[in-house]
């Protein structure tokens, strides 16, 4: 399971012109599910999302987590993060989970996040989404579980 996280001042996801998820300050997490992933990997990713220290303390050091600052978490499924790009000039998606497994684990991650954090929003799995964000820093990390 992969999560590309971006520290944001605000972010939203639109589907067909309708805002389906939005947060103010927090983390935007683009999430890819791979074929061998399980709920255990989703739990590990969520733990990192909530506790990874990417927010600044009083000295300007990245010592605060999403939980510490009370920011929002916006989860967006993005199977293209699982692409194999090592060969050729076109990505291969054989390393991405089948859609049914991807939806199942993404929904699991979302439900777990909603149960553990007060501000959680999401995109819509499998939809053509437009993601708008103001990257704060910019601060972006790839989390691989």
Protein backbone atom coordinates (compact mmCIF):
# COMPACT_ATOMS: atom_id res chain seq x y z
CA UNK A 1 0.00 0.00 0.00
CA UNK A 2 1.34 3.41 -0.92
CA UNK A 3 0.35 6.84 0.30
CA UNK A 4 1.63 10.06 -1.21
CA UNK A 5 1.00 12.67 1.46
CA UNK A 6 1.02 16.41 1.03
CA UNK A 7 0.81 18.91 3.87
CA UNK A 8 -1.88 21.34 2.79
CA UNK A 9 -3.41 24.61 3.88
CA UNK A 10 -6.60 23.37 2.26
CA UNK A 11 -7.75 20.78 -0.27
CA UNK A 12 -10.93 19.59 -1.96
CA UNK A 13 -12.07 16.93 -4.39
CA UNK A 14 -14.72 17.52 -7.04
CA UNK A 15 -16.63 14.96 -9.08
CA UNK A 16 -18.71 16.33 -11.99
CA UNK A 17 -18.45 19.84 -10.54
CA UNK A 18 -19.67 18.79 -7.07
CA UNK A 19 -17.38 19.01 -4.04
CA UNK A 20 -17.38 15.52 -2.50
CA UNK A 21 -14.67 16.05 0.13
CA UNK A 22 -12.79 19.02 1.57
CA UNK A 23 -10.47 19.93 4.44
CA UNK A 24 -8.73 23.01 5.74
CA UNK A 25 -5.18 22.61 7.13
CA UNK A 26 -4.05 18.99 7.22
CA UNK A 27 -2.93 16.16 4.97
CA UNK A 28 -4.03 15.15 1.50
CA UNK A 29 -3.23 11.45 1.07
CA UNK A 30 -3.29 9.90 -2.39
CA UNK A 31 -3.62 6.15 -1.75
CA UNK A 32 -2.75 3.20 -3.98
CA UNK A 33 -3.66 -0.39 -3.19
CA UNK A 34 -1.47 -3.20 -4.48
CA UNK A 35 -2.47 -6.86 -5.06
CA UNK A 36 -0.94 -8.29 -1.86
CA UNK A 37 -2.30 -5.57 0.44
CA UNK A 38 -4.53 -6.39 3.39
CA UNK A 39 -6.38 -4.62 6.20
CA UNK A 40 -3.17 -4.88 8.24
CA UNK A 41 -1.32 -2.73 5.70
CA UNK A 42 -4.20 -0.25 5.72
CA UNK A 43 -3.98 -0.07 9.53
CA UNK A 44 -0.22 0.57 9.33
CA UNK A 45 -0.71 3.27 6.71
CA UNK A 46 -3.40 4.96 8.80
CA UNK A 47 -1.13 4.91 11.86
CA UNK A 48 1.54 6.69 9.82
CA UNK A 49 -0.94 9.16 8.34
CA UNK A 50 -2.13 10.19 11.79
CA UNK A 51 1.24 10.17 13.54
CA UNK A 52 3.87 11.10 10.92
CA UNK A 53 5.49 14.33 12.08
CA UNK A 54 5.30 16.78 9.17
CA UNK A 55 3.88 19.87 10.89
CA UNK A 56 6.11 22.51 12.45
CA UNK A 57 6.53 23.12 16.16
CA UNK A 58 7.34 26.52 17.73
CA UNK A 59 10.97 26.23 16.54
CA UNK A 60 9.96 25.49 12.95
CA UNK A 61 11.00 21.81 13.15
CA UNK A 62 8.75 19.06 11.77
CA UNK A 63 7.83 17.61 15.17
CA UNK A 64 4.03 17.60 15.09
CA UNK A 65 1.67 15.06 13.62
CA UNK A 66 -1.79 15.41 12.15
CA UNK A 67 -3.19 14.29 15.51
CA UNK A 68 -1.10 16.92 17.31
CA UNK A 69 -2.35 19.81 15.18
CA UNK A 70 -5.93 18.55 14.82
CA UNK A 71 -5.82 18.96 11.05
CA UNK A 72 -8.03 17.33 8.47
CA UNK A 73 -7.29 14.17 6.51
CA UNK A 74 -8.44 13.98 2.89
CA UNK A 75 -8.12 10.46 1.43
CA UNK A 76 -8.14 10.07 -2.35
CA UNK A 77 -7.79 6.74 -4.13
CA UNK A 78 -5.19 6.87 -6.90
CA UNK A 79 -4.33 3.55 -8.50
CA UNK A 80 -1.76 5.22 -10.78
CA UNK A 81 0.64 5.45 -7.81
CA UNK A 82 0.95 1.66 -8.01
CA UNK A 83 2.08 1.78 -11.65
CA UNK A 84 5.29 0.12 -12.74
CA UNK A 85 7.22 2.83 -14.58
CA UNK A 86 10.61 1.14 -14.81
CA UNK A 87 10.37 0.08 -18.46
CA UNK A 88 9.22 1.74 -21.64
CA UNK A 89 7.35 4.98 -22.13
CA UNK A 90 3.92 3.87 -20.93
CA UNK A 91 3.04 2.88 -17.35
CA UNK A 92 1.99 -0.67 -16.57
CA UNK A 93 -0.80 -1.13 -14.05
CA UNK A 94 -0.19 -4.84 -13.42
CA UNK A 95 1.16 -3.83 -9.99
CA UNK A 96 -2.13 -2.19 -8.96
CA UNK A 97 -4.80 -4.16 -7.10
CA UNK A 98 -7.90 -5.23 -9.03
CA UNK A 99 -10.69 -2.65 -8.65
CA UNK A 100 -12.76 -4.79 -6.24
CA UNK A 101 -9.84 -5.25 -3.83
CA UNK A 102 -8.83 -1.62 -4.21
CA UNK A 103 -12.33 -0.42 -3.34
CA UNK A 104 -12.60 -2.82 -0.41
CA UNK A 105 -9.31 -1.75 1.18
CA UNK A 106 -9.76 1.95 0.43
CA UNK A 107 -13.23 1.84 2.06
CA UNK A 108 -11.73 -0.03 5.03
CA UNK A 109 -9.02 2.65 5.38
CA UNK A 110 -11.65 5.40 5.20
CA UNK A 111 -13.88 3.77 7.85
CA UNK A 112 -10.93 3.22 10.17
CA UNK A 113 -9.80 6.82 9.71
CA UNK A 114 -13.28 8.14 10.45
CA UNK A 115 -13.32 6.11 13.66
CA UNK A 116 -9.93 7.40 14.82
CA UNK A 117 -9.76 11.03 13.70
CA UNK A 118 -12.33 13.81 13.97
CA UNK A 119 -11.88 15.41 10.54
CA UNK A 120 -11.79 12.95 7.64
CA UNK A 121 -13.01 13.50 4.08
CA UNK A 122 -12.51 11.54 0.88
CA UNK A 123 -12.81 11.50 -2.83
CA UNK A 124 -14.96 8.92 -4.60
CA UNK A 125 -13.31 5.60 -5.49
CA UNK A 126 -13.08 5.02 -9.24
CA UNK A 127 -14.51 8.42 -10.16
CA UNK A 128 -12.94 10.99 -12.46
CA UNK A 129 -11.89 13.45 -9.74
CA UNK A 130 -10.43 16.92 -9.80
CA UNK A 131 -8.22 17.51 -6.78
CA UNK A 132 -7.52 21.08 -5.71
CA UNK A 133 -4.92 21.84 -3.05
CA UNK A 134 -2.64 24.43 -1.62
CA UNK A 135 0.53 22.51 -0.77
CA UNK A 136 2.05 23.99 2.39
CA UNK A 137 5.84 24.17 2.13
CA UNK A 138 5.75 22.36 -0.25
CA UNK A 139 5.90 19.26 1.92
CA UNK A 140 5.32 15.92 0.17
CA UNK A 141 6.32 12.39 1.24
CA UNK A 142 5.83 8.90 -0.20
CA UNK A 143 4.80 6.39 2.47
CA UNK A 144 5.20 2.78 1.45
CA UNK A 145 3.81 0.06 3.70
